[in-house]
Amino acid sequence: MAAIHKAPSAAVFVTCVTGSDGVTVVSIAGELDTSNVDEVRRQLEATLAASSTALVVDLSKLGFMDSSGLALLVQVAARVETISLRHVPALIQRLLDATGLSDILAAEK
């Protein structure tokens, strides 16, 4: 019988900064997928616990995101008053458009 090996977690880096205007900017860099989405979820939950009601998610350094990353963003959107995406890579924008999520997770103009 073949052994099943868990794939190593993809590298992901999250930074959160809340400005004096109360808007929190979350930057996600690397790859966001099933191997690390729980780690990112914990970081975002800690940020949201600090009463942030407006969130901007900067994806400029995100190289890959699978459906678990999309689900996380939808869950976060349900917990804040406003959410917008900044610097969305073209491939991720196509994913948002194809899934119909670009209305919920709108990119900044």
PDB file of N, CA and C in Angstrom:
ATOM      1  N   MET A   1       0.842  -1.179   0.000  1.00  0.00           N
ATOM      2  CA  MET A   1       0.000   0.000   0.000  1.00  0.00           C
ATOM      3  C   MET A   1       0.888   1.243   0.000  1.00  0.00           C
ATOM      4  N   ALA A   2       0.562   2.170  -0.847  1.00  0.00           N
ATOM      5  CA  ALA A   2       1.353   3.398  -0.967  1.00  0.00           C
ATOM      6  C   ALA A   2       1.058   4.334   0.198  1.00  0.00           C
ATOM      7  N   ALA A   3       2.083   4.984   0.653  1.00  0.00           N
ATOM      8  CA  ALA A   3       1.931   5.963   1.729  1.00  0.00           C
ATOM      9  C   ALA A   3       1.396   7.267   1.145  1.00  0.00           C
ATOM     10  N   ILE A   4       0.569   7.929   1.918  1.00  0.00           N
ATOM     11  CA  ILE A   4       0.047   9.224   1.498  1.00  0.00           C
ATOM     12  C   ILE A   4       0.814  10.298   2.251  1.00  0.00           C
ATOM     13  N   HIS A   5       1.385  11.198   1.499  1.00  0.00           N
ATOM     14  CA  HIS A   5       2.168  12.274   2.099  1.00  0.00           C
ATOM     15  C   HIS A   5       1.425  13.587   1.930  1.00  0.00           C
ATOM     16  N   LYS A   6       1.380  14.339   2.987  1.00  0.00           N
ATOM     17  CA  LYS A   6       0.755  15.661   2.919  1.00  0.00           C
ATOM     18  C   LYS A   6       1.708  16.611   2.211  1.00  0.00           C
ATOM     19  N   ALA A   7       1.170  17.351   1.272  1.00  0.00           N
ATOM     20  CA  ALA A   7       1.982  18.331   0.552  1.00  0.00           C
ATOM     21  C   ALA A   7       2.403  19.436   1.502  1.00  0.00           C
ATOM     22  N   PRO A   8       3.602  19.957   1.334  1.00  0.00           N
ATOM     23  CA  PRO A   8       4.032  21.058   2.198  1.00  0.00           C
ATOM     24  C   PRO A   8       3.165  22.293   1.969  1.00  0.00           C
ATOM     25  N   SER A   9       3.032  23.089   3.001  1.00  0.00           N
ATOM     26  CA  SER A   9       2.252  24.324   2.887  1.00  0.00           C
ATOM     27  C   SER A   9       2.928  25.293   1.938  1.00  0.00           C
ATOM     28  N   ALA A  10       2.107  25.944   1.140  1.00  0.00           N
ATOM     29  CA  ALA A  10       2.612  26.999   0.267  1.00  0.00           C
ATOM     30  C   ALA A  10       2.975  28.205   1.133  1.00  0.00           C
ATOM     31  N   ALA A  11       3.910  28.987   0.667  1.00  0.00           N
ATOM     32  CA  ALA A  11       4.325  30.171   1.417  1.00  0.00           C
ATOM     33  C   ALA A  11       3.288  31.276   1.261  1.00  0.00           C
ATOM     34  N   VAL A  12       2.862  31.821   2.387  1.00  0.00           N
ATOM     35  CA  VAL A  12       1.929  32.940   2.379  1.00  0.00           C
ATOM     36  C   VAL A  12       2.346  33.904   3.478  1.00  0.00           C
ATOM     37  N   PHE A  13       2.211  35.176   3.195  1.00  0.00           N
ATOM     38  CA  PHE A  13       2.572  36.216   4.157  1.00  0.00           C
ATOM     39  C   PHE A  13       1.426  37.207   4.235  1.00  0.00           C
ATOM     40  N   VAL A  14       1.032  37.547   5.450  1.00  0.00           N
ATOM     41  CA  VAL A  14      -0.091  38.449   5.661  1.00  0.00           C
ATOM     42  C   VAL A  14       0.361  39.596   6.558  1.00  0.00           C
ATOM     43  N   THR A  15       0.068  40.819   6.131  1.00  0.00           N
ATOM     44  CA  THR A  15       0.307  41.985   6.986  1.00  0.00           C
ATOM     45  C   THR A  15      -0.996  42.764   7.080  1.00  0.00           C
ATOM     46  N   CYS A  16      -1.252  43.306   8.254  1.00  0.00           N
ATOM     47  CA  CYS A  16      -2.480  44.058   8.504  1.00  0.00           C
ATOM     48  C   CYS A  16      -2.112  45.398   9.126  1.00  0.00           C
ATOM     49  N   VAL A  17      -2.634  46.472   8.536  1.00  0.00           N
ATOM     50  CA  VAL A  17      -2.378  47.820   9.051  1.00  0.00           C
ATOM     51  C   VAL A  17      -3.704  48.569   9.078  1.00  0.00           C
ATOM     52  N   THR A  18      -4.051  49.116  10.248  1.00  0.00           N
ATOM     53  CA  THR A  18      -5.264  49.913  10.364  1.00  0.00           C
ATOM     54  C   THR A  18      -4.876  51.380  10.429  1.00  0.00           C
ATOM     55  N   GLY A  19      -5.436  52.156   9.510  1.00  0.00           N
ATOM     56  CA  GLY A  19      -5.137  53.578   9.439  1.00  0.00           C
ATOM     57  C   GLY A  19      -5.970  54.381  10.418  1.00  0.00           C
ATOM     58  N   SER A  20      -5.659  55.655  10.525  1.00  0.00           N
ATOM     59  CA  SER A  20      -6.392  56.541  11.435  1.00  0.00           C
ATOM     60  C   SER A  20      -7.847  56.707  11.011  1.00  0.00           C
ATOM     61  N   ASP A  21      -8.146  56.377   9.747  1.00  0.00           N
ATOM     62  CA  ASP A  21      -9.522  56.456   9.251  1.00  0.00           C
ATOM     63  C   ASP A  21     -10.342  55.211   9.592  1.00  0.00           C
ATOM     64  N   GLY A  22      -9.717  54.243  10.268  1.00  0.00           N
ATOM     65  CA  GLY A  22     -10.411  53.029  10.664  1.00  0.00           C
ATOM     66  C   GLY A  22     -10.428  51.941   9.620  1.00  0.00           C
ATOM     67  N   VAL A  23      -9.876  52.218   8.446  1.00  0.00           N
ATOM     68  CA  VAL A  23      -9.826  51.220   7.380  1.00  0.00           C
ATOM     69  C   VAL A  23      -8.591  50.347   7.589  1.00  0.00           C
ATOM     70  N   THR A  24      -8.809  49.047   7.569  1.00  0.00           N
ATOM     71  CA  THR A  24      -7.703  48.103   7.705  1.00  0.00           C
ATOM     72  C   THR A  24      -7.304  47.604   6.321  1.00  0.00           C
ATOM     73  N   VAL A  25      -6.015  47.688   6.033  1.00  0.00           N
ATOM     74  CA  VAL A  25      -5.481  47.164   4.780  1.00  0.00           C
ATOM     75  C   VAL A  25      -4.746  45.864   5.104  1.00  0.00           C
ATOM     76  N   VAL A  26      -5.216  44.797   4.484  1.00  0.00           N
ATOM     77  CA  VAL A  26      -4.601  43.478   4.646  1.00  0.00           C
ATOM     78  C   VAL A  26      -3.897  43.152   3.344  1.00  0.00           C
ATOM     79  N   SER A  27      -2.612  42.880   3.429  1.00  0.00           N
ATOM     80  CA  SER A  27      -1.844  42.485   2.246  1.00  0.00           C
ATOM     81  C   SER A  27      -1.544  40.994   2.343  1.00  0.00           C
ATOM     82  N   ILE A  28      -1.879  40.270   1.285  1.00  0.00           N
ATOM     83  CA  ILE A  28      -1.622  38.831   1.231  1.00  0.00           C
ATOM     84  C   ILE A  28      -0.636  38.589   0.101  1.00  0.00           C
ATOM     85  N   ALA A  29       0.479  37.952   0.424  1.00  0.00           N
ATOM     86  CA  ALA A  29       1.533  37.698  -0.560  1.00  0.00           C
ATOM     87  C   ALA A  29       1.842  36.210  -0.605  1.00  0.00           C
ATOM     88  N   GLY A  30       2.250  35.753  -1.769  1.00  0.00           N
ATOM     89  CA  GLY A  30       2.614  34.346  -1.929  1.00  0.00           C
ATOM     90  C   GLY A  30       1.492  33.577  -2.582  1.00  0.00           C
ATOM     91  N   GLU A  31       1.131  32.436  -1.979  1.00  0.00           N
ATOM     92  CA  GLU A  31       0.074  31.585  -2.501  1.00  0.00           C
ATOM     93  C   GLU A  31      -0.919  31.296  -1.391  1.00  0.00           C
ATOM     94  N   LEU A  32      -2.207  31.430  -1.695  1.00  0.00           N
ATOM     95  CA  LEU A  32      -3.269  31.165  -0.731  1.00  0.00           C
ATOM     96  C   LEU A  32      -4.055  29.963  -1.228  1.00  0.00           C
ATOM     97  N   ASP A  33      -3.927  28.848  -0.502  1.00  0.00           N
ATOM     98  CA  ASP A  33      -4.623  27.629  -0.917  1.00  0.00           C
ATOM     99  C   ASP A  33      -4.976  26.793   0.304  1.00  0.00           C
ATOM    100  N   THR A  34      -5.455  25.596   0.068  1.00  0.00           N
ATOM    101  CA  THR A  34      -5.923  24.747   1.168  1.00  0.00           C
ATOM    102  C   THR A  34      -4.830  24.428   2.179  1.00  0.00           C
ATOM    103  N   SER A  35      -3.582  24.495   1.764  1.00  0.00           N
ATOM    104  CA  SER A  35      -2.494  24.154   2.688  1.00  0.00           C
ATOM    105  C   SER A  35      -2.241  25.230   3.740  1.00  0.00           C
ATOM    106  N   ASN A  36      -2.715  26.454   3.495  1.00  0.00           N
ATOM    107  CA  ASN A  36      -2.407  27.524   4.448  1.00  0.00           C
ATOM    108  C   ASN A  36      -3.593  28.443   4.751  1.00  0.00           C
ATOM    109  N   VAL A  37      -4.773  28.136   4.214  1.00  0.00           N
ATOM    110  CA  VAL A  37      -5.915  29.025   4.399  1.00  0.00           C
ATOM    111  C   VAL A  37      -6.297  29.162   5.879  1.00  0.00           C
ATOM    112  N   ASP A  38      -6.118  28.115   6.669  1.00  0.00           N
ATOM    113  CA  ASP A  38      -6.454  28.209   8.098  1.00  0.00           C
ATOM    114  C   ASP A  38      -5.541  29.186   8.832  1.00  0.00           C
ATOM    115  N   GLU A  39      -4.282  29.216   8.438  1.00  0.00           N
ATOM    116  CA  GLU A  39      -3.331  30.172   9.025  1.00  0.00           C
ATOM    117  C   GLU A  39      -3.751  31.610   8.708  1.00  0.00           C
ATOM    118  N   VAL A  40      -4.125  31.845   7.458  1.00  0.00           N
ATOM    119  CA  VAL A  40      -4.565  33.185   7.046  1.00  0.00           C
ATOM    120  C   VAL A  40      -5.882  33.536   7.739  1.00  0.00           C
ATOM    121  N   ARG A  41      -6.776  32.566   7.859  1.00  0.00           N
ATOM    122  CA  ARG A  41      -8.057  32.792   8.543  1.00  0.00           C
ATOM    123  C   ARG A  41      -7.821  33.263   9.987  1.00  0.00           C
ATOM    124  N   ARG A  42      -6.917  32.597  10.684  1.00  0.00           N
ATOM    125  CA  ARG A  42      -6.609  32.986  12.078  1.00  0.00           C
ATOM    126  C   ARG A  42      -6.107  34.431  12.142  1.00  0.00           C
ATOM    127  N   GLN A  43      -5.251  34.794  11.220  1.00  0.00           N
ATOM    128  CA  GLN A  43      -4.722  36.162  11.217  1.00  0.00           C
ATOM    129  C   GLN A  43      -5.819  37.180  10.922  1.00  0.00           C
ATOM    130  N   LEU A  44      -6.696  36.857   9.984  1.00  0.00           N
ATOM    131  CA  LEU A  44      -7.781  37.778   9.652  1.00  0.00           C
ATOM    132  C   LEU A  44      -8.791  37.875  10.789  1.00  0.00           C
ATOM    133  N   GLU A  45      -9.081  36.765  11.439  1.00  0.00           N
ATOM    134  CA  GLU A  45     -10.014  36.794  12.568  1.00  0.00           C
ATOM    135  C   GLU A  45      -9.476  37.657  13.697  1.00  0.00           C
ATOM    136  N   ALA A  46      -8.180  37.578  13.953  1.00  0.00           N
ATOM    137  CA  ALA A  46      -7.575  38.427  14.982  1.00  0.00           C
ATOM    138  C   ALA A  46      -7.701  39.896  14.604  1.00  0.00           C
ATOM    139  N   THR A  47      -7.542  40.199  13.333  1.00  0.00           N
ATOM    140  CA  THR A  47      -7.680  41.575  12.859  1.00  0.00           C
ATOM    141  C   THR A  47      -9.122  42.043  12.995  1.00  0.00           C
ATOM    142  N   LEU A  48     -10.066  41.204  12.598  1.00  0.00           N
ATOM    143  CA  LEU A  48     -11.479  41.568  12.672  1.00  0.00           C
ATOM    144  C   LEU A  48     -11.960  41.703  14.110  1.00  0.00           C
ATOM    145  N   ALA A  49     -11.341  40.977  15.016  1.00  0.00           N
ATOM    146  CA  ALA A  49     -11.711  41.072  16.428  1.00  0.00           C
ATOM    147  C   ALA A  49     -11.405  42.451  16.997  1.00  0.00           C
ATOM    148  N   ALA A  50     -10.531  43.175  16.337  1.00  0.00           N
ATOM    149  CA  ALA A  50     -10.174  44.526  16.778  1.00  0.00           C
ATOM    150  C   ALA A  50     -11.183  45.555  16.265  1.00  0.00           C
ATOM    151  N   SER A  51     -12.364  45.107  15.864  1.00  0.00           N
ATOM    152  CA  SER A  51     -13.485  45.965  15.465  1.00  0.00           C
ATOM    153  C   SER A  51     -13.300  46.679  14.138  1.00  0.00           C
ATOM    154  N   SER A  52     -12.574  46.105  13.246  1.00  0.00           N
ATOM    155  CA  SER A  52     -12.441  46.710  11.931  1.00  0.00           C
ATOM    156  C   SER A  52     -13.724  46.466  11.143  1.00  0.00           C
ATOM    157  N   THR A  53     -14.318  47.540  10.640  1.00  0.00           N
ATOM    158  CA  THR A  53     -15.560  47.399   9.866  1.00  0.00           C
ATOM    159  C   THR A  53     -15.335  47.653   8.381  1.00  0.00           C
ATOM    160  N   ALA A  54     -14.216  48.252   8.039  1.00  0.00           N
ATOM    161  CA  ALA A  54     -13.882  48.511   6.639  1.00  0.00           C
ATOM    162  C   ALA A  54     -12.545  47.838   6.339  1.00  0.00           C
ATOM    163  N   LEU A  55     -12.535  47.059   5.270  1.00  0.00           N
ATOM    164  CA  LEU A  55     -11.362  46.258   4.963  1.00  0.00           C
ATOM    165  C   LEU A  55     -10.996  46.414   3.495  1.00  0.00           C
ATOM    166  N   VAL A  56      -9.712  46.600   3.242  1.00  0.00           N
ATOM    167  CA  VAL A  56      -9.153  46.594   1.895  1.00  0.00           C
ATOM    168  C   VAL A  56      -8.156  45.446   1.861  1.00  0.00           C
ATOM    169  N   VAL A  57      -8.307  44.560   0.889  1.00  0.00           N
ATOM    170  CA  VAL A  57      -7.395  43.423   0.765  1.00  0.00           C
ATOM    171  C   VAL A  57      -6.518  43.661  -0.456  1.00  0.00           C
ATOM    172  N   ASP A  58      -5.231  43.841  -0.213  1.00  0.00           N
ATOM    173  CA  ASP A  58      -4.250  44.092  -1.270  1.00  0.00           C
ATOM    174  C   ASP A  58      -3.710  42.751  -1.756  1.00  0.00           C
ATOM    175  N   LEU A  59      -3.941  42.455  -3.021  1.00  0.00           N
ATOM    176  CA  LEU A  59      -3.519  41.179  -3.594  1.00  0.00           C
ATOM    177  C   LEU A  59      -2.358  41.336  -4.574  1.00  0.00           C
ATOM    178  N   SER A  60      -1.691  42.464  -4.538  1.00  0.00           N
ATOM    179  CA  SER A  60      -0.656  42.752  -5.536  1.00  0.00           C
ATOM    180  C   SER A  60       0.479  41.736  -5.535  1.00  0.00           C
ATOM    181  N   LYS A  61       0.717  41.084  -4.413  1.00  0.00           N
ATOM    182  CA  LYS A  61       1.821  40.128  -4.340  1.00  0.00           C
ATOM    183  C   LYS A  61       1.334  38.695  -4.184  1.00  0.00           C
ATOM    184  N   LEU A  62       0.045  38.488  -4.502  1.00  0.00           N
ATOM    185  CA  LEU A  62      -0.520  37.144  -4.436  1.00  0.00           C
ATOM    186  C   LEU A  62      -0.352  36.480  -5.796  1.00  0.00           C
ATOM    187  N   GLY A  63       0.378  35.382  -5.813  1.00  0.00           N
ATOM    188  CA  GLY A  63       0.649  34.692  -7.070  1.00  0.00           C
ATOM    189  C   GLY A  63      -0.369  33.636  -7.428  1.00  0.00           C
ATOM    190  N   PHE A  64      -1.083  33.112  -6.415  1.00  0.00           N
ATOM    191  CA  PHE A  64      -2.046  32.043  -6.665  1.00  0.00           C
ATOM    192  C   PHE A  64      -3.073  32.034  -5.553  1.00  0.00           C
ATOM    193  N   MET A  65      -4.326  31.740  -5.925  1.00  0.00           N
ATOM    194  CA  MET A  65      -5.378  31.563  -4.935  1.00  0.00           C
ATOM    195  C   MET A  65      -6.351  30.521  -5.462  1.00  0.00           C
ATOM    196  N   ASP A  66      -6.667  29.516  -4.637  1.00  0.00           N
ATOM    197  CA  ASP A  66      -7.639  28.516  -5.058  1.00  0.00           C
ATOM    198  C   ASP A  66      -9.001  28.819  -4.436  1.00  0.00           C
ATOM    199  N   SER A  67      -9.937  27.900  -4.573  1.00  0.00           N
ATOM    200  CA  SER A  67     -11.297  28.126  -4.097  1.00  0.00           C
ATOM    201  C   SER A  67     -11.368  28.315  -2.582  1.00  0.00           C
ATOM    202  N   SER A  68     -10.443  27.747  -1.841  1.00  0.00           N
ATOM    203  CA  SER A  68     -10.462  27.947  -0.383  1.00  0.00           C
ATOM    204  C   SER A  68     -10.130  29.401  -0.041  1.00  0.00           C
ATOM    205  N   GLY A  69      -9.285  30.027  -0.830  1.00  0.00           N
ATOM    206  CA  GLY A  69      -8.994  31.451  -0.637  1.00  0.00           C
ATOM    207  C   GLY A  69     -10.190  32.313  -0.976  1.00  0.00           C
ATOM    208  N   LEU A  70     -10.883  31.961  -2.055  1.00  0.00           N
ATOM    209  CA  LEU A  70     -12.104  32.683  -2.416  1.00  0.00           C
ATOM    210  C   LEU A  70     -13.142  32.557  -1.306  1.00  0.00           C
ATOM    211  N   ALA A  71     -13.318  31.335  -0.794  1.00  0.00           N
ATOM    212  CA  ALA A  71     -14.295  31.115   0.282  1.00  0.00           C
ATOM    213  C   ALA A  71     -13.942  31.946   1.508  1.00  0.00           C
ATOM    214  N   LEU A  72     -12.663  32.026   1.839  1.00  0.00           N
ATOM    215  CA  LEU A  72     -12.237  32.830   2.983  1.00  0.00           C
ATOM    216  C   LEU A  72     -12.598  34.299   2.778  1.00  0.00           C
ATOM    217  N   LEU A  73     -12.343  34.831   1.597  1.00  0.00           N
ATOM    218  CA  LEU A  73     -12.664  36.233   1.334  1.00  0.00           C
ATOM    219  C   LEU A  73     -14.169  36.486   1.422  1.00  0.00           C
ATOM    220  N   VAL A  74     -14.981  35.539   0.954  1.00  0.00           N
ATOM    221  CA  VAL A  74     -16.436  35.688   1.054  1.00  0.00           C
ATOM    222  C   VAL A  74     -16.862  35.674   2.521  1.00  0.00           C
ATOM    223  N   GLN A  75     -16.267  34.797   3.318  1.00  0.00           N
ATOM    224  CA  GLN A  75     -16.585  34.736   4.747  1.00  0.00           C
ATOM    225  C   GLN A  75     -16.209  36.033   5.444  1.00  0.00           C
ATOM    226  N   VAL A  76     -15.062  36.579   5.098  1.00  0.00           N
ATOM    227  CA  VAL A  76     -14.628  37.848   5.685  1.00  0.00           C
ATOM    228  C   VAL A  76     -15.573  38.969   5.259  1.00  0.00           C
ATOM    229  N   ALA A  77     -15.977  38.974   4.001  1.00  0.00           N
ATOM    230  CA  ALA A  77     -16.886  40.006   3.499  1.00  0.00           C
ATOM    231  C   ALA A  77     -18.197  40.024   4.278  1.00  0.00           C
ATOM    232  N   ALA A  78     -18.637  38.866   4.725  1.00  0.00           N
ATOM    233  CA  ALA A  78     -19.884  38.777   5.484  1.00  0.00           C
ATOM    234  C   ALA A  78     -19.751  39.360   6.889  1.00  0.00           C
ATOM    235  N   ARG A  79     -18.518  39.558   7.354  1.00  0.00           N
ATOM    236  CA  ARG A  79     -18.289  40.029   8.723  1.00  0.00           C
ATOM    237  C   ARG A  79     -17.942  41.508   8.825  1.00  0.00           C
ATOM    238  N   VAL A  80     -17.761  42.168   7.689  1.00  0.00           N
ATOM    239  CA  VAL A  80     -17.398  43.586   7.718  1.00  0.00           C
ATOM    240  C   VAL A  80     -18.447  44.400   6.962  1.00  0.00           C
ATOM    241  N   GLU A  81     -18.478  45.688   7.250  1.00  0.00           N
ATOM    242  CA  GLU A  81     -19.434  46.561   6.556  1.00  0.00           C
ATOM    243  C   GLU A  81     -19.042  46.768   5.105  1.00  0.00           C
ATOM    244  N   THR A  82     -17.761  47.001   4.871  1.00  0.00           N
ATOM    245  CA  THR A  82     -17.281  47.184   3.496  1.00  0.00           C
ATOM    246  C   THR A  82     -15.986  46.418   3.288  1.00  0.00           C
ATOM    247  N   ILE A  83     -15.860  45.884   2.083  1.00  0.00           N
ATOM    248  CA  ILE A  83     -14.623  45.202   1.689  1.00  0.00           C
ATOM    249  C   ILE A  83     -14.356  45.536   0.227  1.00  0.00           C
ATOM    250  N   SER A  84     -13.100  45.761  -0.082  1.00  0.00           N
ATOM    251  CA  SER A  84     -12.713  45.940  -1.478  1.00  0.00           C
ATOM    252  C   SER A  84     -11.358  45.287  -1.682  1.00  0.00           C
ATOM    253  N   LEU A  85     -11.102  44.926  -2.911  1.00  0.00           N
ATOM    254  CA  LEU A  85      -9.830  44.309  -3.272  1.00  0.00           C
ATOM    255  C   LEU A  85      -8.985  45.324  -4.027  1.00  0.00           C
ATOM    256  N   ARG A  86      -7.719  45.327  -3.727  1.00  0.00           N
ATOM    257  CA  ARG A  86      -6.778  46.269  -4.346  1.00  0.00           C
ATOM    258  C   ARG A  86      -5.723  45.491  -5.120  1.00  0.00           C
ATOM    259  N   HIS A  87      -5.377  46.004  -6.301  1.00  0.00           N
ATOM    260  CA  HIS A  87      -4.304  45.423  -7.120  1.00  0.00           C
ATOM    261  C   HIS A  87      -4.532  43.928  -7.367  1.00  0.00           C
ATOM    262  N   VAL A  88      -5.692  43.613  -7.907  1.00  0.00           N
ATOM    263  CA  VAL A  88      -6.058  42.218  -8.152  1.00  0.00           C
ATOM    264  C   VAL A  88      -5.352  41.714  -9.413  1.00  0.00           C
ATOM    265  N   PRO A  89      -4.535  40.654  -9.289  1.00  0.00           N
ATOM    266  CA  PRO A  89      -3.893  40.093 -10.479  1.00  0.00           C
ATOM    267  C   PRO A  89      -4.948  39.625 -11.487  1.00  0.00           C
ATOM    268  N   ALA A  90      -4.624  39.697 -12.767  1.00  0.00           N
ATOM    269  CA  ALA A  90      -5.577  39.383 -13.839  1.00  0.00           C
ATOM    270  C   ALA A  90      -6.167  37.983 -13.702  1.00  0.00           C
ATOM    271  N   LEU A  91      -5.354  37.006 -13.357  1.00  0.00           N
ATOM    272  CA  LEU A  91      -5.850  35.634 -13.244  1.00  0.00           C
ATOM    273  C   LEU A  91      -6.864  35.508 -12.104  1.00  0.00           C
ATOM    274  N   ILE A  92      -6.611  36.188 -11.008  1.00  0.00           N
ATOM    275  CA  ILE A  92      -7.543  36.141  -9.879  1.00  0.00           C
ATOM    276  C   ILE A  92      -8.810  36.916 -10.217  1.00  0.00           C
ATOM    277  N   GLN A  93      -8.691  38.011 -10.949  1.00  0.00           N
ATOM    278  CA  GLN A  93      -9.888  38.744 -11.380  1.00  0.00           C
ATOM    279  C   GLN A  93     -10.749  37.876 -12.283  1.00  0.00           C
ATOM    280  N   ARG A  94     -10.125  37.116 -13.152  1.00  0.00           N
ATOM    281  CA  ARG A  94     -10.884  36.199 -14.019  1.00  0.00           C
ATOM    282  C   ARG A  94     -11.631  35.170 -13.184  1.00  0.00           C
ATOM    283  N   LEU A  95     -11.002  34.680 -12.126  1.00  0.00           N
ATOM    284  CA  LEU A  95     -11.636  33.724 -11.224  1.00  0.00           C
ATOM    285  C   LEU A  95     -12.837  34.357 -10.518  1.00  0.00           C
ATOM    286  N   LEU A  96     -12.677  35.593 -10.066  1.00  0.00           N
ATOM    287  CA  LEU A  96     -13.786  36.309  -9.424  1.00  0.00           C
ATOM    288  C   LEU A  96     -14.943  36.517 -10.391  1.00  0.00           C
ATOM    289  N   ASP A  97     -14.626  36.901 -11.620  1.00  0.00           N
ATOM    290  CA  ASP A  97     -15.660  37.123 -12.637  1.00  0.00           C
ATOM    291  C   ASP A  97     -16.369  35.817 -12.991  1.00  0.00           C
ATOM    292  N   ALA A  98     -15.607  34.752 -13.176  1.00  0.00           N
ATOM    293  CA  ALA A  98     -16.183  33.466 -13.583  1.00  0.00           C
ATOM    294  C   ALA A  98     -17.092  32.874 -12.511  1.00  0.00           C
ATOM    295  N   THR A  99     -16.790  33.152 -11.251  1.00  0.00           N
ATOM    296  CA  THR A  99     -17.593  32.612 -10.156  1.00  0.00           C
ATOM    297  C   THR A  99     -18.723  33.544  -9.737  1.00  0.00           C
ATOM    298  N   GLY A 100     -18.792  34.722 -10.342  1.00  0.00           N
ATOM    299  CA  GLY A 100     -19.837  35.678  -9.979  1.00  0.00           C
ATOM    300  C   GLY A 100     -19.565  36.406  -8.679  1.00  0.00           C
ATOM    301  N   LEU A 101     -18.352  36.327  -8.182  1.00  0.00           N
ATOM    302  CA  LEU A 101     -18.013  36.958  -6.905  1.00  0.00           C
ATOM    303  C   LEU A 101     -17.481  38.378  -7.038  1.00  0.00           C
ATOM    304  N   SER A 102     -17.333  38.866  -8.264  1.00  0.00           N
ATOM    305  CA  SER A 102     -16.771  40.201  -8.434  1.00  0.00           C
ATOM    306  C   SER A 102     -17.707  41.295  -7.926  1.00  0.00           C
ATOM    307  N   ASP A 103     -18.994  40.985  -7.738  1.00  0.00           N
ATOM    308  CA  ASP A 103     -19.910  41.962  -7.137  1.00  0.00           C
ATOM    309  C   ASP A 103     -19.704  42.047  -5.624  1.00  0.00           C
ATOM    310  N   ILE A 104     -19.474  40.910  -4.994  1.00  0.00           N
ATOM    311  CA  ILE A 104     -19.261  40.868  -3.542  1.00  0.00           C
ATOM    312  C   ILE A 104     -17.850  41.327  -3.192  1.00  0.00           C
ATOM    313  N   LEU A 105     -16.897  40.885  -3.986  1.00  0.00           N
ATOM    314  CA  LEU A 105     -15.488  41.200  -3.756  1.00  0.00           C
ATOM    315  C   LEU A 105     -15.007  42.120  -4.871  1.00  0.00           C
ATOM    316  N   ALA A 106     -15.477  43.359  -4.837  1.00  0.00           N
ATOM    317  CA  ALA A 106     -15.199  44.308  -5.900  1.00  0.00           C
ATOM    318  C   ALA A 106     -13.784  44.858  -5.806  1.00  0.00           C
ATOM    319  N   ALA A 107     -13.180  45.024  -6.950  1.00  0.00           N
ATOM    320  CA  ALA A 107     -11.846  45.634  -7.022  1.00  0.00           C
ATOM    321  C   ALA A 107     -11.989  47.141  -6.960  1.00  0.00           C
ATOM    322  N   GLU A 108     -11.048  47.781  -6.302  1.00  0.00           N
ATOM    323  CA  GLU A 108     -11.023  49.241  -6.259  1.00  0.00           C
ATOM    324  C   GLU A 108     -10.818  49.775  -7.662  1.00  0.00           C
ATOM    325  N   LYS A 109     -11.429  50.899  -7.934  1.00  0.00           N
ATOM    326  CA  LYS A 109     -11.273  51.543  -9.239  1.00  0.00           C
ATOM    327  C   LYS A 109     -10.160  52.537  -9.196  1.00  0.00           C
TER     328      LYS A 109
END
